[in-house]
C-alpha atoms as a PDB file:
ATOM      1  CA  MET A   1      28.256   9.456  18.209  1.00  0.00           C
ATOM      2  CA  LEU A   2      25.251  11.280  17.759  1.00  0.00           C
ATOM      3  CA  PHE A   3      21.421   8.988  17.933  1.00  0.00           C
ATOM      4  CA  THR A   4      18.393  10.099  16.418  1.00  0.00           C
ATOM      5  CA  GLY A   5      14.866   9.272  16.081  1.00  0.00           C
ATOM      6  CA  CYS A   6      11.804  10.159  15.570  1.00  0.00           C
ATOM      7  CA  ALA A   7       9.051  10.967  18.720  1.00  0.00           C
ATOM      8  CA  SER A   8       5.337  10.186  19.494  1.00  0.00           C
ATOM      9  CA  THR A   9       3.298  12.564  21.906  1.00  0.00           C
ATOM     10  CA  ASN A  10       0.349  10.332  21.502  1.00  0.00           C
ATOM     11  CA  ASN A  11      -0.368   8.433  24.495  1.00  0.00           C
ATOM     12  CA  ASN A  12      -3.283   6.479  23.270  1.00  0.00           C
ATOM     13  CA  PRO A  13      -2.250   3.068  21.844  1.00  0.00           C
ATOM     14  CA  VAL A  14      -5.629   2.096  20.087  1.00  0.00           C
ATOM     15  CA  ALA A  15      -6.169   5.522  19.016  1.00  0.00           C
ATOM     16  CA  SER A  16      -3.159   5.497  17.502  1.00  0.00           C
ATOM     17  CA  SER A  17      -2.911   2.357  15.986  1.00  0.00           C
ATOM     18  CA  ALA A  18      -6.733   2.355  14.004  1.00  0.00           C
ATOM     19  CA  LEU A  19      -7.062   2.981  10.261  1.00  0.00           C
ATOM     20  CA  PRO A  20      -8.158   6.211   9.416  1.00  0.00           C
ATOM     21  CA  GLU A  21     -10.990   6.686   8.121  1.00  0.00           C
ATOM     22  CA  SER A  22     -12.608   5.558   4.390  1.00  0.00           C
ATOM     23  CA  ARG A  23     -14.851   6.755   2.243  1.00  0.00           C
ATOM     24  CA  ILE A  24     -15.961   6.247  -1.409  1.00  0.00           C
ATOM     25  CA  GLU A  25     -16.607  10.196  -2.758  1.00  0.00           C
ATOM     26  CA  GLY A  26     -17.753  10.481  -6.484  1.00  0.00           C
ATOM     27  CA  ASN A  27     -20.764  10.106  -8.684  1.00  0.00           C
ATOM     28  CA  ILE A  28     -21.150   6.601  -9.308  1.00  0.00           C
ATOM     29  CA  PRO A  29     -23.851   5.680 -12.108  1.00  0.00           C
ATOM     30  CA  VAL A  30     -25.662   2.610  -9.462  1.00  0.00           C
ATOM     31  CA  ASN A  31     -25.626  -0.194 -12.465  1.00  0.00           C
ATOM     32  CA  ALA A  32     -22.013   0.505 -12.709  1.00  0.00           C
ATOM     33  CA  PRO A  33     -19.649  -2.272 -11.704  1.00  0.00           C
ATOM     34  CA  PHE A  34     -18.086   0.071  -9.400  1.00  0.00           C
ATOM     35  CA  ALA A  35     -21.162   0.713  -7.140  1.00  0.00           C
ATOM     36  CA  LYS A  36     -20.482  -2.953  -5.918  1.00  0.00           C
ATOM     37  CA  ILE A  37     -17.182  -2.072  -4.392  1.00  0.00           C
ATOM     38  CA  LYS A  38     -17.622  -2.435  -0.833  1.00  0.00           C
ATOM     39  CA  ILE A  39     -15.215  -0.684   2.440  1.00  0.00           C
ATOM     40  CA  GLY A  40     -13.474  -3.565   3.514  1.00  0.00           C
ATOM     41  CA  MET A  41     -13.787  -5.996   0.801  1.00  0.00           C
ATOM     42  CA  GLY A  42     -11.126  -8.188   0.263  1.00  0.00           C
ATOM     43  CA  GLN A  43      -9.054  -7.878  -2.964  1.00  0.00           C
ATOM     44  CA  ASP A  44     -10.377 -11.403  -4.923  1.00  0.00           C
ATOM     45  CA  GLN A  45     -13.806 -10.513  -3.853  1.00  0.00           C
ATOM     46  CA  VAL A  46     -12.559  -6.673  -5.392  1.00  0.00           C
ATOM     47  CA  HIS A  47     -11.371  -8.317  -8.885  1.00  0.00           C
ATOM     48  CA  SER A  48     -14.471 -11.214  -8.811  1.00  0.00           C
ATOM     49  CA  ILE A  49     -16.084  -7.876  -9.815  1.00  0.00           C
ATOM     50  CA  LEU A  50     -14.458  -5.908 -11.362  1.00  0.00           C
ATOM     51  CA  GLY A  51     -11.952  -8.929 -13.423  1.00  0.00           C
ATOM     52  CA  GLN A  52      -8.008  -8.937 -12.760  1.00  0.00           C
ATOM     53  CA  SER A  53      -5.963  -6.037 -13.563  1.00  0.00           C
ATOM     54  CA  THR A  54      -4.764  -5.637 -17.187  1.00  0.00           C
ATOM     55  CA  TYR A  55      -2.166  -2.997 -16.405  1.00  0.00           C
ATOM     56  CA  ASN A  56       1.426  -5.044 -16.529  1.00  0.00           C
ATOM     57  CA  LYS A  57       3.533  -2.409 -16.864  1.00  0.00           C
ATOM     58  CA  LYS A  58       7.165  -3.408 -15.623  1.00  0.00           C
ATOM     59  CA  TYR A  59       9.971  -0.812 -14.956  1.00  0.00           C
ATOM     60  CA  GLN A  60      13.560  -1.155 -13.697  1.00  0.00           C
ATOM     61  CA  THR A  61      14.681   0.455 -10.110  1.00  0.00           C
ATOM     62  CA  GLY A  62      17.589   1.735  -9.486  1.00  0.00           C
ATOM     63  CA  LYS A  63      18.742  -1.508  -8.057  1.00  0.00           C
ATOM     64  CA  MET A  64      19.704  -2.941 -10.874  1.00  0.00           C
ATOM     65  CA  TRP A  65      22.730  -1.041 -11.183  1.00  0.00           C
ATOM     66  CA  ILE A  66      24.434  -2.049  -7.913  1.00  0.00           C
ATOM     67  CA  PRO A  67      27.005  -4.117  -8.551  1.00  0.00           C
ATOM     68  CA  PRO A  68      26.462  -7.983  -6.735  1.00  0.00           C
ATOM     69  CA  SER A  69      29.061  -7.888  -4.052  1.00  0.00           C
ATOM     70  CA  ILE A  70      27.606  -4.525  -2.879  1.00  0.00           C
ATOM     71  CA  LEU A  71      24.069  -5.891  -2.543  1.00  0.00           C
ATOM     72  CA  ALA A  72      26.030  -8.665  -0.545  1.00  0.00           C
ATOM     73  CA  ALA A  73      27.498  -6.321   1.798  1.00  0.00           C
ATOM     74  CA  MET A  74      24.767  -3.758   2.802  1.00  0.00           C
ATOM     75  CA  THR A  75      22.598  -7.115   3.624  1.00  0.00           C
ATOM     76  CA  CYS A  76      25.063  -8.572   6.181  1.00  0.00           C
ATOM     77  CA  VAL A  77      24.652  -6.817   9.064  1.00  0.00           C
END
């Protein structure tokens, strides 16, 4: 039997769990709604400034074509 996995050489758990640095790039006009968005805002705060998304496209994934009996067998361990 062959087992594989990933290895990490980072011995500092604090540094590895830190979030990547965030930044806002570009020239946003001062009076634009996007200028009010700040890093760390919650989704509800952003929605209150910009409004809800109007992009609601739905699409089918490949799972739609997997028969239910096979899906049930895949979920049972």
